[in-house]
C-alpha atoms as a PDB file:
ATOM      1  CA  MET A   1     303.542  39.181  32.465  1.00  0.00           C
ATOM      2  CA  ILE A   2     303.035  35.889  30.985  1.00  0.00           C
ATOM      3  CA  LEU A   3     304.249  34.953  27.334  1.00  0.00           C
ATOM      4  CA  THR A   4     302.339  31.990  25.505  1.00  0.00           C
ATOM      5  CA  GLY A   5     301.290  31.261  22.385  1.00  0.00           C
ATOM      6  CA  ILE A   6     298.763  29.431  20.546  1.00  0.00           C
ATOM      7  CA  GLY A   7     299.541  26.101  20.635  1.00  0.00           C
ATOM      8  CA  ASP A   8     298.390  25.254  16.722  1.00  0.00           C
ATOM      9  CA  GLU A   9     300.165  27.960  15.385  1.00  0.00           C
ATOM     10  CA  ALA A  10     303.402  26.252  16.615  1.00  0.00           C
ATOM     11  CA  GLY A  11     302.650  22.994  15.277  1.00  0.00           C
ATOM     12  CA  ASN A  12     299.825  20.302  14.462  1.00  0.00           C
ATOM     13  CA  THR A  13     300.782  17.654  16.989  1.00  0.00           C
ATOM     14  CA  ILE A  14     301.150  17.982  20.958  1.00  0.00           C
ATOM     15  CA  ASP A  15     304.808  16.909  20.779  1.00  0.00           C
ATOM     16  CA  THR A  16     305.782  19.806  18.428  1.00  0.00           C
ATOM     17  CA  GLN A  17     303.771  22.084  20.162  1.00  0.00           C
ATOM     18  CA  ILE A  18     305.711  21.354  23.828  1.00  0.00           C
ATOM     19  CA  ASP A  19     308.735  21.213  21.555  1.00  0.00           C
ATOM     20  CA  ALA A  20     308.153  25.380  20.564  1.00  0.00           C
ATOM     21  CA  LEU A  21     307.540  26.213  23.839  1.00  0.00           C
ATOM     22  CA  ARG A  22     310.410  24.308  25.322  1.00  0.00           C
ATOM     23  CA  GLN A  23     312.823  25.996  22.694  1.00  0.00           C
ATOM     24  CA  LEU A  24     311.191  29.696  23.795  1.00  0.00           C
ATOM     25  CA  GLY A  25     311.866  28.597  27.321  1.00  0.00           C
ATOM     26  CA  TRP A  26     308.104  29.250  28.123  1.00  0.00           C
ATOM     27  CA  LYS A  27     305.748  28.080  30.235  1.00  0.00           C
ATOM     28  CA  HIS A  28     302.329  28.481  29.673  1.00  0.00           C
ATOM     29  CA  VAL A  29     300.396  27.460  26.072  1.00  0.00           C
ATOM     30  CA  GLU A  30     297.034  28.860  24.534  1.00  0.00           C
ATOM     31  CA  MET A  31     295.562  25.338  23.401  1.00  0.00           C
ATOM     32  CA  ARG A  32     293.298  25.482  20.510  1.00  0.00           C
ATOM     33  CA  GLY A  33     293.683  22.940  17.648  1.00  0.00           C
ATOM     34  CA  VAL A  34     295.808  19.383  18.467  1.00  0.00           C
ATOM     35  CA  GLU A  35     297.035  16.527  17.096  1.00  0.00           C
ATOM     36  CA  VAL A  36     297.702  13.294  19.276  1.00  0.00           C
ATOM     37  CA  PRO A  37     299.319  10.067  18.429  1.00  0.00           C
ATOM     38  CA  GLY A  38     296.614   8.124  17.179  1.00  0.00           C
ATOM     39  CA  PHE A  39     294.205  10.695  16.602  1.00  0.00           C
ATOM     40  CA  LYS A  40     292.813  12.976  14.322  1.00  0.00           C
ATOM     41  CA  LYS A  41     293.230  16.589  14.738  1.00  0.00           C
ATOM     42  CA  GLY A  42     290.521  18.582  16.393  1.00  0.00           C
ATOM     43  CA  ASN A  43     289.595  21.495  19.091  1.00  0.00           C
ATOM     44  CA  PHE A  44     290.863  20.882  22.538  1.00  0.00           C
ATOM     45  CA  HIS A  45     287.515  20.718  23.316  1.00  0.00           C
ATOM     46  CA  ASP A  46     286.528  18.553  20.918  1.00  0.00           C
ATOM     47  CA  ILE A  47     288.957  15.473  20.866  1.00  0.00           C
ATOM     48  CA  PRO A  48     288.263  12.184  22.436  1.00  0.00           C
ATOM     49  CA  GLU A  49     288.660  12.006  25.993  1.00  0.00           C
ATOM     50  CA  GLU A  50     291.116   9.803  25.644  1.00  0.00           C
ATOM     51  CA  ALA A  51     293.023  11.665  23.375  1.00  0.00           C
ATOM     52  CA  PHE A  52     292.556  15.113  25.349  1.00  0.00           C
ATOM     53  CA  GLU A  53     293.752  12.820  28.569  1.00  0.00           C
ATOM     54  CA  ILE A  54     297.033  12.337  26.867  1.00  0.00           C
ATOM     55  CA  ALA A  55     297.642  15.510  25.980  1.00  0.00           C
ATOM     56  CA  ALA A  56     296.656  17.023  28.962  1.00  0.00           C
ATOM     57  CA  GLY A  57     299.364  14.575  30.475  1.00  0.00           C
ATOM     58  CA  LYS A  58     301.910  15.470  27.925  1.00  0.00           C
ATOM     59  CA  LEU A  59     301.669  19.300  29.040  1.00  0.00           C
ATOM     60  CA  LYS A  60     301.677  18.659  32.746  1.00  0.00           C
ATOM     61  CA  ASP A  61     304.524  16.347  32.834  1.00  0.00           C
ATOM     62  CA  ALA A  62     306.372  18.952  30.137  1.00  0.00           C
ATOM     63  CA  GLY A  63     305.826  21.734  33.477  1.00  0.00           C
ATOM     64  CA  ILE A  64     303.245  23.747  30.588  1.00  0.00           C
ATOM     65  CA  ASN A  65     300.137  25.146  31.975  1.00  0.00           C
ATOM     66  CA  ILE A  66     296.957  26.434  29.665  1.00  0.00           C
ATOM     67  CA  TYR A  67     296.570  29.878  30.221  1.00  0.00           C
ATOM     68  CA  CYS A  68     293.797  30.621  27.970  1.00  0.00           C
ATOM     69  CA  PHE A  69     291.377  27.855  25.840  1.00  0.00           C
ATOM     70  CA  GLY A  70     290.900  29.079  22.066  1.00  0.00           C
ATOM     71  CA  THR A  71     287.414  27.553  21.838  1.00  0.00           C
ATOM     72  CA  THR A  72     285.522  27.153  18.867  1.00  0.00           C
ATOM     73  CA  ILE A  73     282.283  29.015  20.649  1.00  0.00           C
ATOM     74  CA  LEU A  74     280.270  31.191  18.547  1.00  0.00           C
ATOM     75  CA  ASN A  75     282.862  32.212  15.841  1.00  0.00           C
ATOM     76  CA  TRP A  76     283.272  33.173  12.729  1.00  0.00           C
ATOM     77  CA  ALA A  77     282.400  29.629  11.494  1.00  0.00           C
ATOM     78  CA  LYS A  78     278.910  29.621  12.735  1.00  0.00           C
ATOM     79  CA  ASP A  79     276.264  32.307  12.442  1.00  0.00           C
ATOM     80  CA  LEU A  80     272.218  33.133  13.933  1.00  0.00           C
ATOM     81  CA  ASN A  81     271.166  30.403  11.705  1.00  0.00           C
ATOM     82  CA  THR A  82     273.287  27.490  13.660  1.00  0.00           C
ATOM     83  CA  PRO A  83     271.522  25.274  15.562  1.00  0.00           C
ATOM     84  CA  TRP A  84     271.815  26.401  19.475  1.00  0.00           C
ATOM     85  CA  GLU A  85     272.115  22.880  20.417  1.00  0.00           C
ATOM     86  CA  VAL A  86     275.745  23.497  18.869  1.00  0.00           C
ATOM     87  CA  THR A  87     277.124  25.759  20.795  1.00  0.00           C
ATOM     88  CA  VAL A  88     275.564  24.357  24.167  1.00  0.00           C
ATOM     89  CA  ALA A  89     277.386  20.868  23.369  1.00  0.00           C
ATOM     90  CA  GLU A  90     280.476  23.148  22.933  1.00  0.00           C
ATOM     91  CA  VAL A  91     279.920  24.503  26.256  1.00  0.00           C
ATOM     92  CA  ASP A  92     279.364  21.539  28.142  1.00  0.00           C
ATOM     93  CA  ARG A  93     282.444  19.626  26.545  1.00  0.00           C
ATOM     94  CA  CYS A  94     284.427  22.987  27.487  1.00  0.00           C
ATOM     95  CA  ILE A  95     284.275  23.606  31.075  1.00  0.00           C
ATOM     96  CA  PRO A  96     284.718  20.506  32.641  1.00  0.00           C
ATOM     97  CA  ARG A  97     288.433  20.186  30.210  1.00  0.00           C
ATOM     98  CA  MET A  98     289.110  24.161  31.425  1.00  0.00           C
ATOM     99  CA  GLN A  99     288.324  23.026  35.243  1.00  0.00           C
ATOM    100  CA  LYS A 100     290.627  19.496  35.032  1.00  0.00           C
ATOM    101  CA  VAL A 101     293.660  21.604  33.579  1.00  0.00           C
ATOM    102  CA  GLY A 102     293.187  24.593  35.827  1.00  0.00           C
ATOM    103  CA  CYS A 103     292.371  26.781  32.606  1.00  0.00           C
ATOM    104  CA  LYS A 104     291.119  30.641  33.994  1.00  0.00           C
ATOM    105  CA  PHE A 105     290.115  31.859  30.393  1.00  0.00           C
ATOM    106  CA  ALA A 106     287.978  30.698  27.894  1.00  0.00           C
ATOM    107  CA  ARG A 107     288.143  32.443  24.423  1.00  0.00           C
ATOM    108  CA  ILE A 108     284.738  33.024  22.519  1.00  0.00           C
ATOM    109  CA  MET A 109     283.141  34.872  19.608  1.00  0.00           C
ATOM    110  CA  SER A 110     280.061  36.348  19.094  1.00  0.00           C
ATOM    111  CA  PHE A 111     278.705  34.880  15.591  1.00  0.00           C
ATOM    112  CA  LYS A 112     279.820  35.546  11.947  1.00  0.00           C
ATOM    113  CA  PRO A 113     277.598  38.576  11.001  1.00  0.00           C
ATOM    114  CA  ALA A 114     275.781  39.269   7.599  1.00  0.00           C
ATOM    115  CA  ASP A 115     277.681  41.101   4.996  1.00  0.00           C
ATOM    116  CA  ASP A 116     275.283  43.888   4.799  1.00  0.00           C
ATOM    117  CA  ILE A 117     274.526  45.078   8.726  1.00  0.00           C
ATOM    118  CA  ASN A 118     275.847  47.318  10.974  1.00  0.00           C
ATOM    119  CA  ALA A 119     274.217  46.576  14.284  1.00  0.00           C
ATOM    120  CA  ILE A 120     274.467  43.918  16.327  1.00  0.00           C
ATOM    121  CA  PRO A 121     270.941  42.124  16.950  1.00  0.00           C
ATOM    122  CA  GLN A 122     269.637  41.444  20.413  1.00  0.00           C
ATOM    123  CA  ARG A 123     269.414  37.795  20.102  1.00  0.00           C
ATOM    124  CA  VAL A 124     273.668  37.974  19.703  1.00  0.00           C
ATOM    125  CA  ILE A 125     273.849  39.728  22.948  1.00  0.00           C
ATOM    126  CA  ASP A 126     271.300  37.132  24.478  1.00  0.00           C
ATOM    127  CA  ARG A 127     273.360  34.129  23.030  1.00  0.00           C
ATOM    128  CA  VAL A 128     276.965  35.798  23.933  1.00  0.00           C
ATOM    129  CA  LYS A 129     275.549  36.377  27.525  1.00  0.00           C
ATOM    130  CA  GLU A 130     274.008  32.832  28.107  1.00  0.00           C
ATOM    131  CA  VAL A 131     277.276  31.470  27.126  1.00  0.00           C
ATOM    132  CA  ALA A 132     279.594  34.184  29.733  1.00  0.00           C
ATOM    133  CA  ASP A 133     276.987  33.275  32.270  1.00  0.00           C
ATOM    134  CA  ARG A 134     278.073  29.761  32.371  1.00  0.00           C
ATOM    135  CA  PHE A 135     281.811  30.233  32.140  1.00  0.00           C
ATOM    136  CA  LEU A 136     281.222  32.906  34.856  1.00  0.00           C
ATOM    137  CA  GLU A 137     279.161  30.452  36.946  1.00  0.00           C
ATOM    138  CA  ALA A 138     281.884  27.549  36.668  1.00  0.00           C
ATOM    139  CA  GLY A 139     284.374  30.509  37.828  1.00  0.00           C
ATOM    140  CA  ILE A 140     285.801  30.588  34.478  1.00  0.00           C
ATOM    141  CA  THR A 141     286.674  34.106  32.758  1.00  0.00           C
ATOM    142  CA  PRO A 142     284.892  34.152  29.142  1.00  0.00           C
ATOM    143  CA  VAL A 143     287.103  36.703  26.839  1.00  0.00           C
ATOM    144  CA  HIS A 144     285.559  38.046  23.336  1.00  0.00           C
ATOM    145  CA  GLU A 145     288.021  38.218  20.329  1.00  0.00           C
ATOM    146  CA  ASN A 146     287.604  40.974  18.225  1.00  0.00           C
ATOM    147  CA  CYS A 147     287.732  38.869  14.904  1.00  0.00           C
ATOM    148  CA  MET A 148     285.269  38.258  12.043  1.00  0.00           C
ATOM    149  CA  ASN A 149     282.215  38.239  14.487  1.00  0.00           C
ATOM    150  CA  HIS A 150     279.309  40.669  15.631  1.00  0.00           C
ATOM    151  CA  GLY A 151     281.748  42.220  18.046  1.00  0.00           C
ATOM    152  CA  GLY A 152     284.612  42.555  15.964  1.00  0.00           C
ATOM    153  CA  MET A 153     282.437  44.932  13.496  1.00  0.00           C
ATOM    154  CA  SER A 154     284.232  48.067  14.969  1.00  0.00           C
ATOM    155  CA  PRO A 155     285.480  49.306  17.768  1.00  0.00           C
ATOM    156  CA  LYS A 156     281.856  50.893  18.705  1.00  0.00           C
ATOM    157  CA  HIS A 157     280.320  47.584  18.247  1.00  0.00           C
ATOM    158  CA  GLY A 158     283.230  45.582  20.612  1.00  0.00           C
ATOM    159  CA  LEU A 159     282.783  48.082  23.492  1.00  0.00           C
ATOM    160  CA  GLU A 160     279.120  47.438  23.069  1.00  0.00           C
ATOM    161  CA  LEU A 161     279.311  44.018  23.451  1.00  0.00           C
ATOM    162  CA  LEU A 162     281.605  44.331  26.488  1.00  0.00           C
ATOM    163  CA  GLN A 163     279.084  46.796  27.689  1.00  0.00           C
ATOM    164  CA  LYS A 164     275.751  44.503  27.375  1.00  0.00           C
ATOM    165  CA  VAL A 165     277.359  41.194  28.415  1.00  0.00           C
ATOM    166  CA  PRO A 166     278.324  41.507  32.625  1.00  0.00           C
ATOM    167  CA  GLY A 167     281.598  40.047  32.734  1.00  0.00           C
ATOM    168  CA  LEU A 168     282.450  39.635  29.979  1.00  0.00           C
ATOM    169  CA  LYS A 169     286.128  40.835  29.300  1.00  0.00           C
ATOM    170  CA  HIS A 170     288.292  41.238  25.973  1.00  0.00           C
ATOM    171  CA  VAL A 171     291.113  39.374  24.057  1.00  0.00           C
ATOM    172  CA  PHE A 172     292.757  42.006  21.916  1.00  0.00           C
ATOM    173  CA  ASP A 173     293.962  40.989  18.866  1.00  0.00           C
ATOM    174  CA  THR A 174     296.471  43.486  17.135  1.00  0.00           C
ATOM    175  CA  ALA A 175     296.369  42.390  13.369  1.00  0.00           C
ATOM    176  CA  ASN A 176     292.804  41.627  13.104  1.00  0.00           C
ATOM    177  CA  PRO A 177     291.678  45.425  12.850  1.00  0.00           C
ATOM    178  CA  VAL A 178     293.413  45.457   9.857  1.00  0.00           C
ATOM    179  CA  PHE A 179     291.716  43.294   7.839  1.00  0.00           C
ATOM    180  CA  ASN A 180     288.325  44.077   9.392  1.00  0.00           C
ATOM    181  CA  LYS A 181     285.608  46.817   7.888  1.00  0.00           C
ATOM    182  CA  ASP A 182     284.934  49.391  10.531  1.00  0.00           C
ATOM    183  CA  ARG A 183     281.005  49.082  10.250  1.00  0.00           C
ATOM    184  CA  SER A 184     280.203  51.932  12.568  1.00  0.00           C
ATOM    185  CA  LYS A 185     281.437  54.536   9.967  1.00  0.00           C
ATOM    186  CA  PRO A 186     279.698  54.976   6.396  1.00  0.00           C
ATOM    187  CA  LYS A 187     279.810  52.859   3.314  1.00  0.00           C
ATOM    188  CA  PRO A 188     282.169  52.025   1.307  1.00  0.00           C
ATOM    189  CA  TRP A 189     283.247  50.988   5.120  1.00  0.00           C
ATOM    190  CA  PRO A 190     286.876  51.849   5.458  1.00  0.00           C
ATOM    191  CA  GLN A 191     289.168  49.073   7.435  1.00  0.00           C
ATOM    192  CA  GLN A 192     289.855  49.239  11.002  1.00  0.00           C
ATOM    193  CA  ASP A 193     292.234  50.905  12.589  1.00  0.00           C
ATOM    194  CA  PRO A 194     294.159  49.106  15.162  1.00  0.00           C
ATOM    195  CA  TRP A 195     294.777  51.905  17.623  1.00  0.00           C
ATOM    196  CA  GLU A 196     291.264  53.325  17.650  1.00  0.00           C
ATOM    197  CA  TYR A 197     290.127  49.754  18.741  1.00  0.00           C
ATOM    198  CA  TRP A 198     292.668  49.204  21.167  1.00  0.00           C
ATOM    199  CA  GLN A 199     291.498  52.607  22.961  1.00  0.00           C
ATOM    200  CA  ALA A 200     287.841  51.947  22.607  1.00  0.00           C
ATOM    201  CA  VAL A 201     288.149  48.146  24.721  1.00  0.00           C
ATOM    202  CA  LYS A 202     291.485  48.400  26.381  1.00  0.00           C
ATOM    203  CA  ASP A 203     289.556  48.526  30.063  1.00  0.00           C
ATOM    204  CA  TYR A 204     288.258  45.494  29.261  1.00  0.00           C
ATOM    205  CA  VAL A 205     291.345  43.798  28.106  1.00  0.00           C
ATOM    206  CA  ALA A 206     292.718  40.507  30.019  1.00  0.00           C
ATOM    207  CA  HIS A 207     294.506  38.897  27.496  1.00  0.00           C
ATOM    208  CA  ILE A 208     296.763  39.933  24.063  1.00  0.00           C
ATOM    209  CA  HIS A 209     297.349  38.073  20.934  1.00  0.00           C
ATOM    210  CA  ILE A 210     300.316  39.452  19.052  1.00  0.00           C
ATOM    211  CA  LYS A 211     300.227  39.047  15.098  1.00  0.00           C
ATOM    212  CA  ASP A 212     300.863  41.599  12.678  1.00  0.00           C
ATOM    213  CA  ALA A 213     299.741  42.623   9.650  1.00  0.00           C
ATOM    214  CA  THR A 214     299.390  44.755   6.195  1.00  0.00           C
ATOM    215  CA  TRP A 215     296.379  45.257   4.241  1.00  0.00           C
ATOM    216  CA  ASN A 216     297.418  44.262   0.395  1.00  0.00           C
ATOM    217  CA  PRO A 217     294.375  45.898  -1.920  1.00  0.00           C
ATOM    218  CA  ALA A 218     295.496  43.827  -4.528  1.00  0.00           C
ATOM    219  CA  LYS A 219     294.531  40.020  -3.268  1.00  0.00           C
ATOM    220  CA  ASN A 220     291.805  41.999  -0.854  1.00  0.00           C
ATOM    221  CA  ASP A 221     293.438  40.432   2.044  1.00  0.00           C
ATOM    222  CA  ALA A 222     296.312  41.080   4.694  1.00  0.00           C
ATOM    223  CA  ASP A 223     299.777  40.093   4.173  1.00  0.00           C
ATOM    224  CA  TYR A 224     301.103  38.858   7.578  1.00  0.00           C
ATOM    225  CA  ASN A 225     304.476  39.971   9.123  1.00  0.00           C
ATOM    226  CA  TRP A 226     306.960  39.559  11.884  1.00  0.00           C
ATOM    227  CA  PRO A 227     305.526  41.924  15.402  1.00  0.00           C
ATOM    228  CA  GLY A 228     305.909  45.576  14.724  1.00  0.00           C
ATOM    229  CA  GLU A 229     306.604  45.347  11.235  1.00  0.00           C
ATOM    230  CA  GLY A 230     303.263  45.758   9.961  1.00  0.00           C
ATOM    231  CA  GLN A 231     300.069  47.987  10.308  1.00  0.00           C
ATOM    232  CA  GLY A 232     298.757  46.319  13.610  1.00  0.00           C
ATOM    233  CA  LYS A 233     300.643  49.193  16.111  1.00  0.00           C
ATOM    234  CA  VAL A 234     301.861  46.465  18.039  1.00  0.00           C
ATOM    235  CA  ARG A 235     304.579  48.671  19.395  1.00  0.00           C
ATOM    236  CA  GLU A 236     302.626  51.417  20.014  1.00  0.00           C
ATOM    237  CA  ILE A 237     299.547  49.234  21.670  1.00  0.00           C
ATOM    238  CA  LEU A 238     302.235  47.136  23.677  1.00  0.00           C
ATOM    239  CA  LYS A 239     303.934  50.396  25.002  1.00  0.00           C
ATOM    240  CA  ASP A 240     299.955  51.942  26.074  1.00  0.00           C
ATOM    241  CA  ALA A 241     299.517  48.886  27.604  1.00  0.00           C
ATOM    242  CA  PHE A 242     302.540  48.589  29.993  1.00  0.00           C
ATOM    243  CA  ALA A 243     302.101  52.201  30.584  1.00  0.00           C
ATOM    244  CA  GLY A 244     299.085  51.275  32.066  1.00  0.00           C
ATOM    245  CA  GLY A 245     300.114  48.377  34.260  1.00  0.00           C
ATOM    246  CA  TYR A 246     299.110  45.824  32.397  1.00  0.00           C
ATOM    247  CA  ASP A 247     301.075  42.269  33.309  1.00  0.00           C
ATOM    248  CA  ALA A 248     298.683  39.588  31.961  1.00  0.00           C
ATOM    249  CA  GLY A 249     299.145  37.520  29.278  1.00  0.00           C
ATOM    250  CA  ILE A 250     300.866  38.052  25.703  1.00  0.00           C
ATOM    251  CA  SER A 251     300.031  35.359  23.360  1.00  0.00           C
ATOM    252  CA  ILE A 252     301.826  35.016  19.990  1.00  0.00           C
ATOM    253  CA  GLU A 253     299.375  33.880  16.822  1.00  0.00           C
ATOM    254  CA  PRO A 254     301.915  34.531  13.656  1.00  0.00           C
ATOM    255  CA  HIS A 255     299.753  33.731  10.699  1.00  0.00           C
ATOM    256  CA  MET A 256     302.491  33.441   8.880  1.00  0.00           C
ATOM    257  CA  VAL A 257     303.635  29.994   7.580  1.00  0.00           C
ATOM    258  CA  VAL A 258     299.495  29.211   8.036  1.00  0.00           C
ATOM    259  CA  VAL A 259     296.428  30.865   8.613  1.00  0.00           C
ATOM    260  CA  PHE A 260     293.868  28.942  11.054  1.00  0.00           C
ATOM    261  CA  HIS A 261     290.780  29.926   8.649  1.00  0.00           C
ATOM    262  CA  ASP A 262     291.999  29.491   5.890  1.00  0.00           C
ATOM    263  CA  ALA A 263     291.613  25.716   4.592  1.00  0.00           C
ATOM    264  CA  ASN A 264     294.224  26.290   1.613  1.00  0.00           C
ATOM    265  CA  SER A 265     296.807  27.345   3.921  1.00  0.00           C
ATOM    266  CA  LYS A 266     299.269  24.020   4.805  1.00  0.00           C
ATOM    267  CA  ALA A 267     302.714  23.698   5.842  1.00  0.00           C
ATOM    268  CA  ASP A 268     304.669  20.959   7.485  1.00  0.00           C
ATOM    269  CA  ASP A 269     304.959  21.193  11.297  1.00  0.00           C
ATOM    270  CA  SER A 270     308.936  21.882  11.297  1.00  0.00           C
ATOM    271  CA  ALA A 271     308.229  25.113   8.952  1.00  0.00           C
ATOM    272  CA  ILE A 272     305.240  26.379  11.071  1.00  0.00           C
ATOM    273  CA  LYS A 273     307.599  25.412  14.266  1.00  0.00           C
ATOM    274  CA  ALA A 274     310.608  27.339  13.453  1.00  0.00           C
ATOM    275  CA  ASN A 275     308.512  30.221  12.470  1.00  0.00           C
ATOM    276  CA  PHE A 276     306.721  30.219  16.027  1.00  0.00           C
ATOM    277  CA  ILE A 277     310.451  29.901  18.131  1.00  0.00           C
ATOM    278  CA  GLU A 278     311.101  33.180  15.667  1.00  0.00           C
ATOM    279  CA  TYR A 279     308.312  34.888  16.148  1.00  0.00           C
ATOM    280  CA  GLY A 280     308.122  34.524  19.861  1.00  0.00           C
ATOM    281  CA  ARG A 281     312.058  35.533  19.998  1.00  0.00           C
ATOM    282  CA  ARG A 282     311.397  38.690  18.137  1.00  0.00           C
ATOM    283  CA  LEU A 283     308.191  39.821  20.285  1.00  0.00           C
ATOM    284  CA  GLU A 284     310.571  39.136  23.266  1.00  0.00           C
ATOM    285  CA  LYS A 285     313.340  41.571  21.764  1.00  0.00           C
ATOM    286  CA  LEU A 286     310.342  44.001  20.803  1.00  0.00           C
ATOM    287  CA  ILE A 287     309.065  43.789  24.416  1.00  0.00           C
ATOM    288  CA  THR A 288     312.803  44.466  26.040  1.00  0.00           C
ATOM    289  CA  GLU A 289     313.144  47.787  23.890  1.00  0.00           C
ATOM    290  CA  ILE A 290     309.658  48.996  24.854  1.00  0.00           C
ATOM    291  CA  LYS A 291     310.252  48.638  28.217  1.00  0.00           C
ATOM    292  CA  ALA A 292     313.835  49.838  28.042  1.00  0.00           C
ATOM    293  CA  GLY A 293     312.560  53.257  27.016  1.00  0.00           C
END
């Protein structure tokens, strides 16, 4: 089992991210957004080459390996109307950088769905397959996240995508079902059940994201919690994963101080880092309790 965390959930700068991991004693990071001195913050596959080299060098010097690459490929900020050249360019930038740092997992998604659909269009499956094939040919495992995308519309849709795209694996996020509707059920669509989703896709899971949340009807959104204190069934899912022999990556994504996909969610690095470290320590304690029975 490898404990890791999404870098920009620990702070914006590469130095803050490294310091947070050092304080936890963790040797792996899931890279996503990062700010390097002299350069603007961007995704690890989008920052200029010089910034990438600096960040990669700092991680190597700190003895931190990149376990997974949190790409923006096919994510919730894009849909089927987004020019395909945008995605092709992201893949073209991503693969050589992953190969250079020895990263074996690329987190991808499956486009933002229209508000009224409850089926995955064949074009989406074809596009995901095209991307997955590119990564697989490069010796990299593509892992699809259950999020605000076509493959995340329900447990049924998640399983369908995995079954129709050979070689595609899953990164299961424990809290995402809490704030996503289950479009496989009759309208008005209810919130998804994290346990039901886990049971549907667990045979394909190669990586796990730990965040926890409670649905807040008053604001029509989720409130984020410490691991095991929300509705994400974190304890139950980890217990089941360990019972099934799971020993791969577990990555924290607290969302408690800043929310990655919310442009209005901002905080300074010191607050983000402190929350990340506390979250990591609480997860370690939770895992110890689960394994002790």
